[in-house]
Amino acid sequence: MIKSMTGFGNAGFEDERMVIQVEVRTLNSKFLDLSIRSPRQFNDKELEIRNMVQSILDRGKVSISIDFQSKGAIEMPVNINKDLFHLFYQKYKELADAVQDNPQDIFKLALQSPNVITQLAGEQRDDQADWEEIKKVLFVALNKCDSFRQDEGSSLEGKLQGNIKTIASGLVKIKEEEGNRKNRIKQKIRNHFSEWLDENSFDSNRFEQELIYYFEKLDITEEIVRLDTHLKYFEKCLNEESSQGKKLGFISQEIGREINTIGSKANDAGMQKHVILMKDELEKVKEQSLNVL
């Protein structure tokens, strides 16, 4: 059973303390190409996230979005000196009244005055408990994405099997044409040279050797056998459980090499139409194989 590299998974969690939403999207890639969008306080968890992704999804272009929100009252990280604020405000108002100026900006000016607002040193909040909850949600989302990939892989497997069967059908027709092709070549040579052979003396043994050499150059028996082997191996790899995307790509290249050789050596119009159809199906196989994990 193969897997697709296209996938999607999401998961969420909510209690009285927090709300967590995680979304995972994947596309095809030769390697693990990971993109993470998460709250700033969890920026140091990238390596841990990467290890989780690699253990479940293996490879692909993976985009992860983590949304985390805390609930309840949160203490302000600053201290406002109310007495000092009132003192500044009163002084600024007296000055404004003395010069008969509009006091509309006095509040802002007093709030920004020295030592009215001070940063609390305090202890930094421990986010480890929150992160443990996020990991649980991320694990669920990743596994949902993996299940999505399995479902997509089943559909993809059906398409690939159909393409390979079409190529195999074309190979059967080429085998059927092979006998007729050889007869046509023999008849063509006989017609071209029969008159010349009757009128000229020649070395019959040498001529026979040349014909054998000529037929060996046009013989496609080995290519047919190899192509049949590659097609069967491709189908076998589709049924294996481990990741087979790269292997299927390599086999596709070998299939294409044999089809091209058959087309060039056959030199026969009847076979060429089957070769063209096989090439068309192979292009579909190559395109689909890029999305196989």
Protein backbone atom coordinates (compact mmCIF):
# COMPACT_ATOMS: atom_id res chain seq x y z
CA MET A 1 0.00 0.00 0.00
CA ILE A 2 1.52 3.29 -1.09
CA LYS A 3 0.96 6.73 0.44
CA SER A 4 0.47 10.05 -1.26
CA MET A 5 2.53 13.03 -0.16
CA THR A 6 -0.55 15.26 -0.39
CA GLY A 7 -2.26 15.40 2.97
CA PHE A 8 -4.20 17.46 5.49
CA GLY A 9 -4.91 17.07 9.18
CA ASN A 10 -6.16 19.29 11.99
CA ALA A 11 -6.92 18.93 15.69
CA GLY A 12 -7.95 21.10 18.60
CA PHE A 13 -8.17 21.20 22.38
CA GLU A 14 -9.94 23.54 24.80
CA ASP A 15 -10.33 23.70 28.58
CA GLU A 16 -10.70 26.39 31.22
CA ARG A 17 -7.05 27.42 30.79
CA MET A 18 -6.31 27.40 27.05
CA VAL A 19 -7.44 26.95 23.45
CA ILE A 20 -5.19 25.05 21.00
CA GLN A 21 -5.66 24.61 17.24
CA VAL A 22 -3.15 22.78 15.02
CA GLU A 23 -3.30 22.41 11.23
CA VAL A 24 -0.96 20.32 9.06
CA ARG A 25 -0.75 20.49 5.25
CA THR A 26 1.64 18.49 3.04
CA LEU A 27 2.70 18.48 -0.62
CA ASN A 28 5.28 16.47 -2.54
CA SER A 29 8.99 17.09 -2.07
CA LYS A 30 12.12 14.95 -2.37
CA PHE A 31 13.08 15.75 1.21
CA LEU A 32 11.45 17.02 4.40
CA ASP A 33 10.78 20.72 3.78
CA LEU A 34 9.22 21.97 7.02
CA SER A 35 7.53 25.33 7.59
CA ILE A 36 6.26 26.17 11.11
CA ARG A 37 4.03 29.01 12.27
CA SER A 38 3.71 29.04 16.06
CA PRO A 39 3.51 31.49 19.01
CA ARG A 40 6.79 33.18 19.83
CA GLN A 41 7.17 31.49 23.21
CA PHE A 42 7.48 28.11 21.45
CA ASN A 43 10.10 29.11 18.88
CA ASP A 44 12.68 26.94 20.64
CA LYS A 45 10.59 23.82 20.00
CA GLU A 46 11.32 23.65 16.26
CA LEU A 47 13.73 20.70 16.53
CA GLU A 48 11.23 18.74 18.62
CA ILE A 49 8.49 19.46 16.09
CA ARG A 50 10.77 18.39 13.21
CA ASN A 51 11.51 15.07 14.91
CA MET A 52 7.78 14.42 15.42
CA VAL A 53 7.01 15.24 11.79
CA GLN A 54 9.81 13.05 10.44
CA SER A 55 8.77 10.08 12.55
CA ILE A 56 5.17 10.19 11.25
CA LEU A 57 5.19 11.83 7.80
CA ASP A 58 8.78 11.00 6.74
CA ARG A 59 9.17 13.58 3.95
CA GLY A 60 7.35 16.13 1.84
CA LYS A 61 6.71 19.86 1.96
CA VAL A 62 5.02 20.20 5.36
CA SER A 63 3.33 23.36 6.66
CA ILE A 64 2.33 23.42 10.34
CA SER A 65 0.22 26.12 11.96
CA ILE A 66 -0.06 26.19 15.77
CA ASP A 67 -2.54 28.59 17.40
CA PHE A 68 -2.40 28.89 21.19
CA GLN A 69 -4.47 31.19 23.38
CA SER A 70 -4.54 31.39 27.18
CA LYS A 71 -7.81 31.93 29.02
CA GLY A 72 -8.51 33.80 32.27
CA ALA A 73 -6.97 36.87 33.85
CA ILE A 74 -3.37 37.58 33.05
CA GLU A 75 -1.24 39.77 35.35
CA MET A 76 0.10 42.89 33.71
CA PRO A 77 3.89 42.76 33.21
CA VAL A 78 4.15 46.45 34.27
CA ASN A 79 3.51 48.56 37.37
CA ILE A 80 1.73 51.94 37.28
CA ASN A 81 2.63 54.41 40.05
CA LYS A 82 -0.76 56.07 40.57
CA ASP A 83 0.46 58.65 43.12
CA LEU A 84 3.25 59.78 40.81
CA PHE A 85 0.81 59.91 37.88
CA HIS A 86 -1.58 62.19 39.83
CA LEU A 87 1.31 64.43 40.85
CA PHE A 88 2.51 64.85 37.26
CA TYR A 89 -1.04 65.36 36.02
CA GLN A 90 -1.74 68.08 38.59
CA LYS A 91 1.49 69.93 37.84
CA TYR A 92 0.90 69.81 34.06
CA LYS A 93 -2.68 71.03 34.53
CA GLU A 94 -1.52 73.98 36.64
CA LEU A 95 0.97 74.96 33.95
CA ALA A 96 -1.69 74.67 31.26
CA ASP A 97 -4.10 76.86 33.24
CA ALA A 98 -1.35 79.44 33.84
CA VAL A 99 -0.79 79.91 30.12
CA GLN A 100 -4.45 79.32 29.25
CA ASP A 101 -3.59 76.34 27.06
CA ASN A 102 -5.88 73.43 26.14
CA PRO A 103 -5.19 70.59 28.64
CA GLN A 104 -6.42 67.80 26.33
CA ASP A 105 -3.01 66.02 26.09
CA ILE A 106 -2.19 66.22 29.79
CA PHE A 107 -3.33 62.64 30.53
CA LYS A 108 -1.04 61.14 27.88
CA LEU A 109 1.83 63.38 28.95
CA ALA A 110 1.48 62.42 32.62
CA LEU A 111 1.27 58.70 31.80
CA GLN A 112 4.52 58.88 29.81
CA SER A 113 6.38 60.80 32.51
CA PRO A 114 9.47 59.23 34.13
CA ASN A 115 8.89 56.29 36.53
CA VAL A 116 5.08 56.38 36.16
CA ILE A 117 5.18 53.05 34.32
CA THR A 118 7.87 50.56 35.28
CA GLN A 119 8.58 47.03 33.95
CA LEU A 120 8.14 44.20 36.42
CA ALA A 121 11.19 41.97 36.73
CA GLY A 122 9.18 39.03 38.04
CA GLU A 123 9.78 35.39 37.11
CA GLN A 124 9.17 34.24 33.58
CA ARG A 125 6.18 31.98 33.10
CA ASP A 126 6.92 28.26 32.69
CA ASP A 127 5.44 27.23 29.32
CA GLN A 128 6.38 23.54 29.55
CA ALA A 129 2.92 22.44 30.73
CA ASP A 130 1.32 24.34 27.84
CA TRP A 131 3.78 22.79 25.40
CA GLU A 132 2.94 19.27 26.57
CA GLU A 133 -0.71 19.91 25.71
CA ILE A 134 0.27 21.35 22.31
CA LYS A 135 2.36 18.22 21.57
CA LYS A 136 -0.66 16.01 22.20
CA VAL A 137 -2.76 18.03 19.75
CA LEU A 138 0.07 18.13 17.20
CA PHE A 139 0.43 14.34 17.42
CA VAL A 140 -3.28 13.90 16.61
CA ALA A 141 -3.10 16.33 13.66
CA LEU A 142 -0.02 14.61 12.24
CA ASN A 143 -1.68 11.19 12.43
CA LYS A 144 -4.82 12.54 10.75
CA CYS A 145 -2.62 13.89 7.97
CA ASP A 146 -0.96 10.48 7.69
CA SER A 147 -4.39 8.81 7.38
CA PHE A 148 -5.32 11.33 4.70
CA ARG A 149 -2.14 10.36 2.83
CA GLN A 150 -3.08 6.69 3.04
CA ASP A 151 -6.52 7.37 1.54
CA GLU A 152 -5.00 9.47 -1.24
CA GLY A 153 -2.43 6.72 -1.78
CA SER A 154 -5.17 4.15 -2.41
CA SER A 155 -6.63 6.33 -5.14
CA LEU A 156 -3.17 6.99 -6.56
CA GLU A 157 -2.35 3.28 -6.55
CA GLY A 158 -5.44 2.55 -8.65
CA LYS A 159 -4.40 5.13 -11.25
CA LEU A 160 -0.84 3.80 -11.44
CA GLN A 161 -2.02 0.22 -11.80
CA GLY A 162 -4.28 1.32 -14.67
CA ASN A 163 -1.37 3.10 -16.39
CA ILE A 164 0.94 0.09 -16.03
CA LYS A 165 -1.73 -2.27 -17.34
CA THR A 166 -2.15 -0.06 -20.40
CA ILE A 167 1.61 -0.17 -21.03
CA ALA A 168 1.57 -3.96 -20.55
CA SER A 169 -1.30 -4.21 -23.03
CA GLY A 170 0.75 -2.22 -25.55
CA LEU A 171 3.67 -4.60 -24.98
CA VAL A 172 1.43 -7.59 -25.75
CA LYS A 173 0.43 -5.98 -29.04
CA ILE A 174 4.08 -5.33 -29.87
CA LYS A 175 4.84 -9.01 -29.24
CA GLU A 176 2.03 -9.91 -31.64
CA GLU A 177 3.40 -7.50 -34.24
CA GLU A 178 6.97 -8.79 -33.90
CA GLY A 179 6.43 -11.91 -36.00
CA ASN A 180 4.74 -9.95 -38.77
CA ARG A 181 7.49 -7.32 -38.66
CA LYS A 182 10.23 -9.89 -39.23
CA ASN A 183 8.29 -11.38 -42.15
CA ARG A 184 7.84 -7.93 -43.67
CA ILE A 185 11.57 -7.22 -43.36
CA LYS A 186 12.48 -10.55 -44.96
CA GLN A 187 10.04 -9.99 -47.82
CA LYS A 188 11.32 -6.46 -48.35
CA ILE A 189 14.95 -7.64 -48.57
CA ARG A 190 13.98 -10.51 -50.85
CA ASN A 191 12.12 -8.20 -53.24
CA HIS A 192 14.91 -5.60 -53.33
CA PHE A 193 17.74 -8.02 -53.91
CA SER A 194 16.24 -10.97 -55.79
CA GLU A 195 16.79 -9.44 -59.19
CA TRP A 196 20.29 -8.19 -58.33
CA LEU A 197 21.24 -11.59 -56.95
CA ASP A 198 20.17 -13.33 -60.13
CA GLU A 199 22.26 -11.03 -62.35
CA ASN A 200 25.46 -10.85 -60.26
CA SER A 201 27.84 -13.33 -58.81
CA PHE A 202 28.41 -12.99 -55.05
CA ASP A 203 29.57 -14.78 -51.96
CA SER A 204 26.38 -16.34 -50.56
CA ASN A 205 27.99 -17.07 -47.17
CA ARG A 206 29.07 -13.44 -46.76
CA PHE A 207 25.62 -12.25 -47.76
CA GLU A 208 24.01 -14.55 -45.19
CA GLN A 209 26.32 -13.18 -42.49
CA GLU A 210 25.33 -9.62 -43.39
CA LEU A 211 21.66 -10.52 -43.12
CA ILE A 212 22.19 -12.08 -39.70
CA TYR A 213 24.01 -8.94 -38.53
CA TYR A 214 21.19 -6.78 -39.89
CA PHE A 215 18.49 -8.80 -38.12
CA GLU A 216 20.44 -8.73 -34.85
CA LYS A 217 20.51 -4.94 -34.95
CA LEU A 218 16.72 -4.85 -35.46
CA ASP A 219 15.95 -7.58 -32.91
CA ILE A 220 13.98 -6.29 -29.89
CA THR A 221 13.57 -9.57 -27.99
CA GLU A 222 15.82 -8.50 -25.10
CA GLU A 223 14.08 -5.14 -24.78
CA ILE A 224 10.68 -6.84 -24.66
CA VAL A 225 11.84 -9.21 -21.91
CA ARG A 226 13.39 -6.39 -19.85
CA LEU A 227 10.32 -4.16 -20.24
CA ASP A 228 8.05 -6.99 -19.13
CA THR A 229 10.30 -7.51 -16.06
CA HIS A 230 10.26 -3.79 -15.18
CA LEU A 231 6.46 -3.63 -15.43
CA LYS A 232 6.04 -6.61 -13.09
CA TYR A 233 8.55 -5.15 -10.62
CA PHE A 234 6.68 -1.83 -10.67
CA GLU A 235 3.43 -3.60 -9.74
CA LYS A 236 5.23 -5.52 -6.99
CA CYS A 237 6.57 -2.29 -5.46
CA LEU A 238 3.05 -0.83 -5.42
CA ASN A 239 2.02 -3.59 -3.01
CA GLU A 240 4.92 -3.14 -0.59
CA GLU A 241 4.28 -1.27 2.66
CA SER A 242 7.46 0.79 2.93
CA SER A 243 7.91 4.12 1.14
CA GLN A 244 8.38 3.38 -2.54
CA GLY A 245 8.11 6.79 -4.26
CA LYS A 246 11.79 7.13 -5.19
CA LYS A 247 12.04 3.48 -6.26
CA LEU A 248 8.99 3.83 -8.52
CA GLY A 249 10.63 6.87 -10.10
CA PHE A 250 13.78 4.88 -10.90
CA ILE A 251 11.78 1.98 -12.35
CA SER A 252 9.84 4.44 -14.51
CA GLN A 253 13.12 5.67 -15.99
CA GLU A 254 14.10 2.09 -16.89
CA ILE A 255 10.67 1.46 -18.44
CA GLY A 256 11.08 4.59 -20.55
CA ARG A 257 14.55 3.50 -21.67
CA GLU A 258 13.24 0.14 -22.95
CA ILE A 259 10.22 1.71 -24.69
CA ASN A 260 12.47 4.21 -26.48
CA THR A 261 14.86 1.46 -27.59
CA ILE A 262 11.99 -0.65 -28.91
CA GLY A 263 10.69 2.32 -30.86
CA SER A 264 14.06 3.16 -32.40
CA LYS A 265 15.07 -0.44 -33.24
CA ALA A 266 11.69 -1.64 -34.50
CA ASN A 267 11.60 0.87 -37.36
CA ASP A 268 8.03 -0.23 -38.07
CA ALA A 269 4.93 1.95 -38.50
CA GLY A 270 2.65 -0.70 -37.02
CA MET A 271 4.67 -0.83 -33.81
CA GLN A 272 5.25 2.91 -33.54
CA LYS A 273 1.61 3.64 -32.74
CA HIS A 274 1.79 1.24 -29.77
CA VAL A 275 5.10 2.78 -28.68
CA ILE A 276 3.55 6.26 -28.73
CA LEU A 277 0.60 5.14 -26.59
CA MET A 278 2.98 3.49 -24.14
CA LYS A 279 5.06 6.67 -23.88
CA ASP A 280 1.91 8.68 -23.18
CA GLU A 281 0.93 6.36 -20.33
CA LEU A 282 4.47 6.41 -18.97
CA GLU A 283 4.39 10.21 -18.71
CA LYS A 284 1.30 9.87 -16.52
CA VAL A 285 3.12 7.30 -14.38
CA LYS A 286 6.12 9.60 -13.92
CA GLU A 287 3.89 12.52 -12.95
CA GLN A 288 1.91 10.45 -10.44
CA SER A 289 5.05 8.84 -9.01
CA LEU A 290 6.35 12.25 -7.94
CA ASN A 291 3.51 12.37 -5.41
CA VAL A 292 4.18 8.92 -3.95
CA LEU A 293 5.86 8.88 -0.54
